[in-house]
Amino acid sequence: MTVHFPIPAEIAALNDKEVEVLRLLAAGHTVKSIAATLGKSEASINERLRDARRKTGVGSSRELARLLDAQKIWDKNIDLVGPRSLTKAQDQPRKGHPWSKGTIAMLLTLPAAAVGLMLAANNPAQPSAPAPIALTAAPKSPPLVGRWSLDVARIPVEERPRQVTMSFRVSDDQKWTAVVEIVDPDGRTRRAESTAALDGVPVPISGNMDFIDTVALRQPAPNTLVMTLGKNGTPVSTRVYAVAKDQKTMTETIVWAGQEMPKLETTFFTRVG
């Protein structure tokens, strides 16, 4: 299936040189290789990227490049299911798809394993004789619950934010609230918040991140959360968050929509709360 990604109107303000650099970035080039390809200095390439980000309001050059270049949804090859519009999600029956994926993006086609919250419940053995009343241990929180901070030192300098934090919490009715805060290099703070069930149905995102407006969640394992971000009913990226056994670190693997052979991006978070 081919899906044409809606390009934001602000992108029309980009000039040919900026578009040229962004398309090379989307193709997998670095600033250094773009400079060598075009016979320009790295400073010149970075300046074009800064101008493009300023014109469009998108805080990441790579994210802007994906938005510009996204013409196909890489769905069938990796067995992903894109988020539907809120109306279509209510009217159409949902179909399950097998899924196994070491990904995530980071945020965006959703790996649609027919899964739910698979938290094992401990069933204590029935005592053979009366026993004294004992205190019942409180249920453990899912491994992802808490506040996480991005290791920004691993992000390319030209795309590096000052800070990124992400927090997850779960309500009694098993709905997940996710809050993301990004502090850009210029000090501007962007925030996104959403509350969704683990059913893959897109829900609105509040905040000031203009490049996304919906999120859909699934959980194939207790320490893993699959998040799909969308804009205007079209997938932007899929992000898989996986918590390590010690529950102190978390990886985010990102698949961007609009690529026939996607280049997986991985970022790293540390628990801070």
C-alpha atoms as a PDB file:
ATOM      1  CA  MET A   1       0.000   0.000   0.000  1.00  0.00           C
ATOM      2  CA  THR A   2       1.322   3.449  -0.858  1.00  0.00           C
ATOM      3  CA  VAL A   3       0.442   6.401   1.342  1.00  0.00           C
ATOM      4  CA  HIS A   4       1.383   9.963   0.436  1.00  0.00           C
ATOM      5  CA  PHE A   5       2.497  11.868   3.503  1.00  0.00           C
ATOM      6  CA  PRO A   6       0.907  15.321   3.879  1.00  0.00           C
ATOM      7  CA  ILE A   7       3.716  17.901   3.766  1.00  0.00           C
ATOM      8  CA  PRO A   8       3.206  20.824   6.211  1.00  0.00           C
ATOM      9  CA  ALA A   9       2.522  24.138   4.523  1.00  0.00           C
ATOM     10  CA  GLU A  10       5.611  25.688   6.145  1.00  0.00           C
ATOM     11  CA  ILE A  11       7.848  23.428   4.040  1.00  0.00           C
ATOM     12  CA  ALA A  12       6.845  25.430   0.987  1.00  0.00           C
ATOM     13  CA  ALA A  13       9.018  28.218   2.402  1.00  0.00           C
ATOM     14  CA  LEU A  14      12.187  26.123   2.011  1.00  0.00           C
ATOM     15  CA  ASN A  15      14.489  27.051  -0.838  1.00  0.00           C
ATOM     16  CA  ASP A  16      16.094  24.571  -3.255  1.00  0.00           C
ATOM     17  CA  LYS A  17      19.403  24.451  -1.380  1.00  0.00           C
ATOM     18  CA  GLU A  18      17.703  23.649   1.920  1.00  0.00           C
ATOM     19  CA  VAL A  19      15.560  20.960   0.301  1.00  0.00           C
ATOM     20  CA  GLU A  20      18.664  19.468  -1.337  1.00  0.00           C
ATOM     21  CA  VAL A  21      20.447  19.152   2.013  1.00  0.00           C
ATOM     22  CA  LEU A  22      17.367  17.727   3.759  1.00  0.00           C
ATOM     23  CA  ARG A  23      16.867  15.063   1.090  1.00  0.00           C
ATOM     24  CA  LEU A  24      20.497  13.962   1.436  1.00  0.00           C
ATOM     25  CA  LEU A  25      20.034  13.820   5.220  1.00  0.00           C
ATOM     26  CA  ALA A  26      16.911  11.662   4.789  1.00  0.00           C
ATOM     27  CA  ALA A  27      18.901   9.344   2.508  1.00  0.00           C
ATOM     28  CA  GLY A  28      21.272   8.554   5.389  1.00  0.00           C
ATOM     29  CA  HIS A  29      24.029  11.112   4.864  1.00  0.00           C
ATOM     30  CA  THR A  30      25.727  12.947   7.717  1.00  0.00           C
ATOM     31  CA  VAL A  31      26.573  16.644   7.672  1.00  0.00           C
ATOM     32  CA  LYS A  32      30.165  15.698   6.842  1.00  0.00           C
ATOM     33  CA  SER A  33      29.226  13.502   3.872  1.00  0.00           C
ATOM     34  CA  ILE A  34      26.698  16.074   2.623  1.00  0.00           C
ATOM     35  CA  ALA A  35      29.387  18.739   2.677  1.00  0.00           C
ATOM     36  CA  ALA A  36      31.730  16.462   0.703  1.00  0.00           C
ATOM     37  CA  THR A  37      28.988  15.583  -1.804  1.00  0.00           C
ATOM     38  CA  LEU A  38      28.040  19.205  -2.453  1.00  0.00           C
ATOM     39  CA  GLY A  39      31.555  20.616  -2.199  1.00  0.00           C
ATOM     40  CA  LYS A  40      30.555  22.869   0.698  1.00  0.00           C
ATOM     41  CA  SER A  41      31.845  23.386   4.216  1.00  0.00           C
ATOM     42  CA  GLU A  42      30.203  21.649   7.150  1.00  0.00           C
ATOM     43  CA  ALA A  43      29.434  25.090   8.604  1.00  0.00           C
ATOM     44  CA  SER A  44      27.525  25.973   5.432  1.00  0.00           C
ATOM     45  CA  ILE A  45      25.497  22.760   5.595  1.00  0.00           C
ATOM     46  CA  ASN A  46      24.674  23.317   9.271  1.00  0.00           C
ATOM     47  CA  GLU A  47      23.550  26.861   8.449  1.00  0.00           C
ATOM     48  CA  ARG A  48      21.128  25.564   5.801  1.00  0.00           C
ATOM     49  CA  LEU A  49      19.723  23.056   8.288  1.00  0.00           C
ATOM     50  CA  ARG A  50      19.291  25.761  10.936  1.00  0.00           C
ATOM     51  CA  ASP A  51      17.479  27.988   8.447  1.00  0.00           C
ATOM     52  CA  ALA A  52      15.177  25.098   7.465  1.00  0.00           C
ATOM     53  CA  ARG A  53      14.347  24.323  11.095  1.00  0.00           C
ATOM     54  CA  ARG A  54      13.631  27.988  11.804  1.00  0.00           C
ATOM     55  CA  LYS A  55      11.305  28.319   8.801  1.00  0.00           C
ATOM     56  CA  THR A  56       9.283  25.181   9.586  1.00  0.00           C
ATOM     57  CA  GLY A  57       9.347  25.180  13.387  1.00  0.00           C
ATOM     58  CA  VAL A  58      10.550  21.548  13.452  1.00  0.00           C
ATOM     59  CA  GLY A  59      13.236  21.193  16.109  1.00  0.00           C
ATOM     60  CA  SER A  60      15.186  18.272  14.573  1.00  0.00           C
ATOM     61  CA  SER A  61      16.861  18.359  11.157  1.00  0.00           C
ATOM     62  CA  ARG A  62      16.487  14.612  10.733  1.00  0.00           C
ATOM     63  CA  GLU A  63      12.826  14.772  11.690  1.00  0.00           C
ATOM     64  CA  LEU A  64      12.262  17.570   9.185  1.00  0.00           C
ATOM     65  CA  ALA A  65      14.077  15.542   6.521  1.00  0.00           C
ATOM     66  CA  ARG A  66      11.777  12.569   7.153  1.00  0.00           C
ATOM     67  CA  LEU A  67       8.712  14.779   6.910  1.00  0.00           C
ATOM     68  CA  LEU A  68       9.925  16.154   3.594  1.00  0.00           C
ATOM     69  CA  ASP A  69      10.908  12.820   2.147  1.00  0.00           C
ATOM     70  CA  ALA A  70       8.057  10.668   3.465  1.00  0.00           C
ATOM     71  CA  GLN A  71       6.224   9.493   0.336  1.00  0.00           C
ATOM     72  CA  LYS A  72       5.795   5.806   1.136  1.00  0.00           C
ATOM     73  CA  ILE A  73       4.808   4.033   4.298  1.00  0.00           C
ATOM     74  CA  TRP A  74       7.156   1.202   4.994  1.00  0.00           C
ATOM     75  CA  ASP A  75       4.379  -0.953   6.341  1.00  0.00           C
ATOM     76  CA  LYS A  76       4.097  -4.301   4.611  1.00  0.00           C
ATOM     77  CA  ASN A  77       7.812  -5.171   4.783  1.00  0.00           C
ATOM     78  CA  ILE A  78       8.084  -4.852   8.559  1.00  0.00           C
ATOM     79  CA  ASP A  79       4.519  -5.933   9.346  1.00  0.00           C
ATOM     80  CA  LEU A  80       3.441  -2.648  10.859  1.00  0.00           C
ATOM     81  CA  VAL A  81      -0.038  -1.219  11.158  1.00  0.00           C
ATOM     82  CA  GLY A  82      -0.378   2.533  10.763  1.00  0.00           C
ATOM     83  CA  PRO A  83      -2.529   4.520  13.157  1.00  0.00           C
ATOM     84  CA  ARG A  84      -5.935   5.337  11.812  1.00  0.00           C
ATOM     85  CA  SER A  85      -7.797   8.588  12.133  1.00  0.00           C
ATOM     86  CA  LEU A  86      -9.913   8.852  15.237  1.00  0.00           C
ATOM     87  CA  THR A  87     -13.139   8.446  13.216  1.00  0.00           C
ATOM     88  CA  LYS A  88     -11.950   5.472  11.166  1.00  0.00           C
ATOM     89  CA  ALA A  89     -10.590   3.790  14.253  1.00  0.00           C
ATOM     90  CA  GLN A  90     -14.079   3.751  15.717  1.00  0.00           C
ATOM     91  CA  ASP A  91     -15.873   2.625  12.537  1.00  0.00           C
ATOM     92  CA  GLN A  92     -13.588  -0.089  11.207  1.00  0.00           C
ATOM     93  CA  PRO A  93     -12.814  -3.478  12.816  1.00  0.00           C
ATOM     94  CA  ARG A  94      -9.216  -3.740  13.928  1.00  0.00           C
ATOM     95  CA  LYS A  95      -7.064  -6.508  12.562  1.00  0.00           C
ATOM     96  CA  GLY A  96      -4.281  -8.195  14.491  1.00  0.00           C
ATOM     97  CA  HIS A  97      -0.863  -8.679  12.905  1.00  0.00           C
ATOM     98  CA  PRO A  98       2.078 -10.799  14.057  1.00  0.00           C
ATOM     99  CA  TRP A  99       4.934  -8.610  15.105  1.00  0.00           C
ATOM    100  CA  SER A 100       8.425  -8.920  16.347  1.00  0.00           C
ATOM    101  CA  LYS A 101      10.702  -5.930  16.111  1.00  0.00           C
ATOM    102  CA  GLY A 102      13.763  -4.623  17.890  1.00  0.00           C
ATOM    103  CA  THR A 103      12.662  -1.091  17.245  1.00  0.00           C
ATOM    104  CA  ILE A 104      11.249   1.972  18.322  1.00  0.00           C
ATOM    105  CA  ALA A 105      11.940   5.772  17.897  1.00  0.00           C
ATOM    106  CA  MET A 106      12.378   9.266  20.410  1.00  0.00           C
ATOM    107  CA  LEU A 107       8.183  11.667  18.847  1.00  0.00           C
ATOM    108  CA  LEU A 108       5.286   8.329  14.832  1.00  0.00           C
ATOM    109  CA  THR A 109       3.158   2.789  11.494  1.00  0.00           C
ATOM    110  CA  LEU A 110       2.794   0.659  14.607  1.00  0.00           C
ATOM    111  CA  PRO A 111       3.928  -2.962  15.034  1.00  0.00           C
ATOM    112  CA  ALA A 112       0.559  -4.471  15.741  1.00  0.00           C
ATOM    113  CA  ALA A 113       1.084  -7.603  17.730  1.00  0.00           C
ATOM    114  CA  ALA A 114      -2.209  -8.748  19.113  1.00  0.00           C
ATOM    115  CA  VAL A 115      -1.017  -8.162  22.646  1.00  0.00           C
ATOM    116  CA  GLY A 116      -2.194  -6.620  25.823  1.00  0.00           C
ATOM    117  CA  LEU A 117      -0.641  -5.854  29.131  1.00  0.00           C
ATOM    118  CA  MET A 118       1.106  -9.112  29.970  1.00  0.00           C
ATOM    119  CA  LEU A 119       1.848  -8.616  33.641  1.00  0.00           C
ATOM    120  CA  ALA A 120       1.931 -12.012  35.331  1.00  0.00           C
ATOM    121  CA  ALA A 121      -0.113 -12.276  38.483  1.00  0.00           C
ATOM    122  CA  ASN A 122       1.305 -14.285  41.364  1.00  0.00           C
ATOM    123  CA  ASN A 123      -1.176 -16.886  42.614  1.00  0.00           C
ATOM    124  CA  PRO A 124      -0.132 -17.893  46.125  1.00  0.00           C
ATOM    125  CA  ALA A 125      -0.613 -21.560  47.049  1.00  0.00           C
ATOM    126  CA  GLN A 126      -3.587 -22.358  49.259  1.00  0.00           C
ATOM    127  CA  PRO A 127      -2.359 -23.100  52.805  1.00  0.00           C
ATOM    128  CA  SER A 128      -3.195 -26.576  54.134  1.00  0.00           C
ATOM    129  CA  ALA A 129      -3.841 -25.203  57.599  1.00  0.00           C
ATOM    130  CA  PRO A 130      -5.021 -21.883  59.022  1.00  0.00           C
ATOM    131  CA  ALA A 131      -2.219 -19.347  59.074  1.00  0.00           C
ATOM    132  CA  PRO A 132      -1.804 -15.952  60.691  1.00  0.00           C
ATOM    133  CA  ILE A 133      -2.996 -12.998  58.640  1.00  0.00           C
ATOM    134  CA  ALA A 134      -0.089 -11.573  56.649  1.00  0.00           C
ATOM    135  CA  LEU A 135       0.304  -8.241  54.906  1.00  0.00           C
ATOM    136  CA  THR A 136      -0.326  -8.413  51.161  1.00  0.00           C
ATOM    137  CA  ALA A 137       2.521  -7.046  49.071  1.00  0.00           C
ATOM    138  CA  ALA A 138       1.603  -4.049  46.930  1.00  0.00           C
ATOM    139  CA  PRO A 139       1.498  -4.783  43.194  1.00  0.00           C
ATOM    140  CA  LYS A 140       4.648  -3.821  41.335  1.00  0.00           C
ATOM    141  CA  SER A 141       4.565  -0.959  38.873  1.00  0.00           C
ATOM    142  CA  PRO A 142       5.346  -1.786  35.226  1.00  0.00           C
ATOM    143  CA  PRO A 143       9.077  -1.356  34.503  1.00  0.00           C
ATOM    144  CA  LEU A 144       8.491   1.655  32.235  1.00  0.00           C
ATOM    145  CA  VAL A 145       6.629   3.683  34.850  1.00  0.00           C
ATOM    146  CA  GLY A 146       8.697   6.620  36.060  1.00  0.00           C
ATOM    147  CA  ARG A 147      10.690   9.521  34.668  1.00  0.00           C
ATOM    148  CA  TRP A 148      13.499   9.106  32.114  1.00  0.00           C
ATOM    149  CA  SER A 149      16.194  11.450  30.788  1.00  0.00           C
ATOM    150  CA  LEU A 150      17.731  11.198  27.302  1.00  0.00           C
ATOM    151  CA  ASP A 151      21.513  10.792  26.996  1.00  0.00           C
ATOM    152  CA  VAL A 152      21.894  13.824  24.720  1.00  0.00           C
ATOM    153  CA  ALA A 153      25.666  13.331  24.419  1.00  0.00           C
ATOM    154  CA  ARG A 154      24.965  10.516  21.933  1.00  0.00           C
ATOM    155  CA  ILE A 155      22.927  12.790  19.636  1.00  0.00           C
ATOM    156  CA  PRO A 156      24.740  14.445  16.673  1.00  0.00           C
ATOM    157  CA  VAL A 157      25.852  17.955  17.627  1.00  0.00           C
ATOM    158  CA  GLU A 158      23.807  19.652  14.915  1.00  0.00           C
ATOM    159  CA  GLU A 159      20.609  17.958  16.199  1.00  0.00           C
ATOM    160  CA  ARG A 160      21.371  17.840  19.915  1.00  0.00           C
ATOM    161  CA  PRO A 161      18.731  19.309  22.274  1.00  0.00           C
ATOM    162  CA  ARG A 162      19.648  20.642  25.685  1.00  0.00           C
ATOM    163  CA  GLN A 163      17.465  18.106  27.429  1.00  0.00           C
ATOM    164  CA  VAL A 164      14.741  15.545  26.781  1.00  0.00           C
ATOM    165  CA  THR A 165      12.685  13.939  29.542  1.00  0.00           C
ATOM    166  CA  MET A 166       9.919  11.379  29.272  1.00  0.00           C
ATOM    167  CA  SER A 167       7.619  10.052  31.961  1.00  0.00           C
ATOM    168  CA  PHE A 168       5.069   7.247  32.066  1.00  0.00           C
ATOM    169  CA  ARG A 169       2.327   6.554  34.583  1.00  0.00           C
ATOM    170  CA  VAL A 170      -0.536   4.047  34.619  1.00  0.00           C
ATOM    171  CA  SER A 171      -4.012   4.696  35.991  1.00  0.00           C
ATOM    172  CA  ASP A 172      -6.226   2.181  37.787  1.00  0.00           C
ATOM    173  CA  ASP A 173      -8.101   1.514  34.540  1.00  0.00           C
ATOM    174  CA  GLN A 174      -4.785   0.602  32.845  1.00  0.00           C
ATOM    175  CA  LYS A 175      -4.519   3.704  30.693  1.00  0.00           C
ATOM    176  CA  TRP A 176      -1.023   5.053  30.126  1.00  0.00           C
ATOM    177  CA  THR A 177      -0.171   8.731  30.388  1.00  0.00           C
ATOM    178  CA  ALA A 178       3.020   9.778  28.599  1.00  0.00           C
ATOM    179  CA  VAL A 179       4.605  13.211  28.985  1.00  0.00           C
ATOM    180  CA  VAL A 180       7.551  14.330  26.846  1.00  0.00           C
ATOM    181  CA  GLU A 181       9.448  17.591  27.343  1.00  0.00           C
ATOM    182  CA  ILE A 182      12.162  18.792  24.956  1.00  0.00           C
ATOM    183  CA  VAL A 183      14.402  21.772  25.651  1.00  0.00           C
ATOM    184  CA  ASP A 184      15.823  22.973  22.323  1.00  0.00           C
ATOM    185  CA  PRO A 185      19.325  24.449  21.930  1.00  0.00           C
ATOM    186  CA  ASP A 186      17.823  27.965  22.015  1.00  0.00           C
ATOM    187  CA  GLY A 187      16.095  27.248  25.339  1.00  0.00           C
ATOM    188  CA  ARG A 188      12.588  26.852  23.894  1.00  0.00           C
ATOM    189  CA  THR A 189      10.589  24.118  25.645  1.00  0.00           C
ATOM    190  CA  ARG A 190       8.234  21.832  23.760  1.00  0.00           C
ATOM    191  CA  ARG A 191       5.802  19.523  25.533  1.00  0.00           C
ATOM    192  CA  ALA A 192       3.472  16.686  24.541  1.00  0.00           C
ATOM    193  CA  GLU A 193       1.050  14.768  26.762  1.00  0.00           C
ATOM    194  CA  SER A 194      -1.363  11.948  26.012  1.00  0.00           C
ATOM    195  CA  THR A 195      -3.406   9.274  27.777  1.00  0.00           C
ATOM    196  CA  ALA A 196      -4.167   6.064  25.891  1.00  0.00           C
ATOM    197  CA  ALA A 197      -5.142   2.447  26.398  1.00  0.00           C
ATOM    198  CA  LEU A 198      -2.859  -0.325  25.136  1.00  0.00           C
ATOM    199  CA  ASP A 199      -5.185  -1.133  22.214  1.00  0.00           C
ATOM    200  CA  GLY A 200      -3.446   0.560  19.279  1.00  0.00           C
ATOM    201  CA  VAL A 201      -6.248   3.116  18.855  1.00  0.00           C
ATOM    202  CA  PRO A 202      -4.934   6.638  18.155  1.00  0.00           C
ATOM    203  CA  VAL A 203      -5.769   9.336  20.691  1.00  0.00           C
ATOM    204  CA  PRO A 204      -5.084  13.092  20.589  1.00  0.00           C
ATOM    205  CA  ILE A 205      -1.847  14.613  21.880  1.00  0.00           C
ATOM    206  CA  SER A 206      -1.927  17.919  23.728  1.00  0.00           C
ATOM    207  CA  GLY A 207       0.966  20.360  23.823  1.00  0.00           C
ATOM    208  CA  ASN A 208       3.015  22.379  21.361  1.00  0.00           C
ATOM    209  CA  MET A 209       4.787  19.759  19.223  1.00  0.00           C
ATOM    210  CA  ASP A 210       3.380  20.752  15.833  1.00  0.00           C
ATOM    211  CA  PHE A 211       4.708  17.740  13.910  1.00  0.00           C
ATOM    212  CA  ILE A 212       2.507  15.188  15.748  1.00  0.00           C
ATOM    213  CA  ASP A 213      -1.133  15.167  16.834  1.00  0.00           C
ATOM    214  CA  THR A 214      -1.978  11.520  17.698  1.00  0.00           C
ATOM    215  CA  VAL A 215      -0.410   8.577  19.507  1.00  0.00           C
ATOM    216  CA  ALA A 216      -1.290   4.873  19.667  1.00  0.00           C
ATOM    217  CA  LEU A 217       0.129   2.384  22.181  1.00  0.00           C
ATOM    218  CA  ARG A 218       0.675  -1.369  22.426  1.00  0.00           C
ATOM    219  CA  GLN A 219       2.668  -3.453  24.902  1.00  0.00           C
ATOM    220  CA  PRO A 220       4.114  -6.748  23.594  1.00  0.00           C
ATOM    221  CA  ALA A 221       5.944  -7.413  26.889  1.00  0.00           C
ATOM    222  CA  PRO A 222       5.969  -5.932  30.422  1.00  0.00           C
ATOM    223  CA  ASN A 223       9.268  -4.101  29.817  1.00  0.00           C
ATOM    224  CA  THR A 224       8.405  -2.906  26.291  1.00  0.00           C
ATOM    225  CA  LEU A 225       6.087  -0.208  24.965  1.00  0.00           C
ATOM    226  CA  VAL A 226       5.364   0.392  21.272  1.00  0.00           C
ATOM    227  CA  MET A 227       4.316   3.939  20.426  1.00  0.00           C
ATOM    228  CA  THR A 228       3.113   5.195  17.043  1.00  0.00           C
ATOM    229  CA  LEU A 229       3.028   8.943  16.414  1.00  0.00           C
ATOM    230  CA  GLY A 230       0.915  10.411  13.632  1.00  0.00           C
ATOM    231  CA  LYS A 231      -0.043  13.688  12.000  1.00  0.00           C
ATOM    232  CA  ASN A 232      -3.341  14.326  10.207  1.00  0.00           C
ATOM    233  CA  GLY A 233      -4.155  10.595  10.222  1.00  0.00           C
ATOM    234  CA  THR A 234      -0.823   9.600   8.645  1.00  0.00           C
ATOM    235  CA  PRO A 235       2.050   7.761  10.415  1.00  0.00           C
ATOM    236  CA  VAL A 236       5.131   9.810  11.294  1.00  0.00           C
ATOM    237  CA  SER A 237       7.191   7.268  13.224  1.00  0.00           C
ATOM    238  CA  THR A 238       7.045   4.140  15.384  1.00  0.00           C
ATOM    239  CA  ARG A 239       9.044   4.085  18.593  1.00  0.00           C
ATOM    240  CA  VAL A 240       9.797   1.043  20.751  1.00  0.00           C
ATOM    241  CA  TYR A 241      10.841   1.638  24.355  1.00  0.00           C
ATOM    242  CA  ALA A 242      12.582  -1.271  26.104  1.00  0.00           C
ATOM    243  CA  VAL A 243      13.711  -1.227  29.736  1.00  0.00           C
ATOM    244  CA  ALA A 244      16.837  -3.131  30.808  1.00  0.00           C
ATOM    245  CA  LYS A 245      16.645  -5.860  33.452  1.00  0.00           C
ATOM    246  CA  ASP A 246      18.054  -3.532  36.111  1.00  0.00           C
ATOM    247  CA  GLN A 247      15.241  -1.061  35.250  1.00  0.00           C
ATOM    248  CA  LYS A 248      17.742   1.814  35.326  1.00  0.00           C
ATOM    249  CA  THR A 249      18.190   2.304  31.570  1.00  0.00           C
ATOM    250  CA  MET A 250      15.833   2.353  28.596  1.00  0.00           C
ATOM    251  CA  THR A 251      16.439   2.278  24.831  1.00  0.00           C
ATOM    252  CA  GLU A 252      14.280   3.977  22.223  1.00  0.00           C
ATOM    253  CA  THR A 253      14.408   2.522  18.716  1.00  0.00           C
ATOM    254  CA  ILE A 254      12.828   4.611  15.952  1.00  0.00           C
ATOM    255  CA  VAL A 255      11.446   3.651  12.547  1.00  0.00           C
ATOM    256  CA  TRP A 256      10.481   6.629  10.398  1.00  0.00           C
ATOM    257  CA  ALA A 257       7.589   6.329   7.969  1.00  0.00           C
ATOM    258  CA  GLY A 258       8.235   6.943   4.292  1.00  0.00           C
ATOM    259  CA  GLN A 259      11.245   4.691   3.708  1.00  0.00           C
ATOM    260  CA  GLU A 260      11.418   1.479   1.719  1.00  0.00           C
ATOM    261  CA  MET A 261      14.454   0.323   3.697  1.00  0.00           C
ATOM    262  CA  PRO A 262      14.394   2.264   6.966  1.00  0.00           C
ATOM    263  CA  LYS A 263      17.500   3.096   8.926  1.00  0.00           C
ATOM    264  CA  LEU A 264      16.802   2.309  12.565  1.00  0.00           C
ATOM    265  CA  GLU A 265      17.776   5.000  15.045  1.00  0.00           C
ATOM    266  CA  THR A 266      18.452   4.200  18.694  1.00  0.00           C
ATOM    267  CA  THR A 267      18.640   6.595  21.621  1.00  0.00           C
ATOM    268  CA  PHE A 268      19.302   5.908  25.288  1.00  0.00           C
ATOM    269  CA  PHE A 269      17.510   7.029  28.464  1.00  0.00           C
ATOM    270  CA  THR A 270      18.437   6.845  32.151  1.00  0.00           C
ATOM    271  CA  ARG A 271      15.888   6.633  34.963  1.00  0.00           C
ATOM    272  CA  VAL A 272      15.709   9.831  37.022  1.00  0.00           C
ATOM    273  CA  GLY A 273      12.558   9.212  38.957  1.00  0.00           C
END
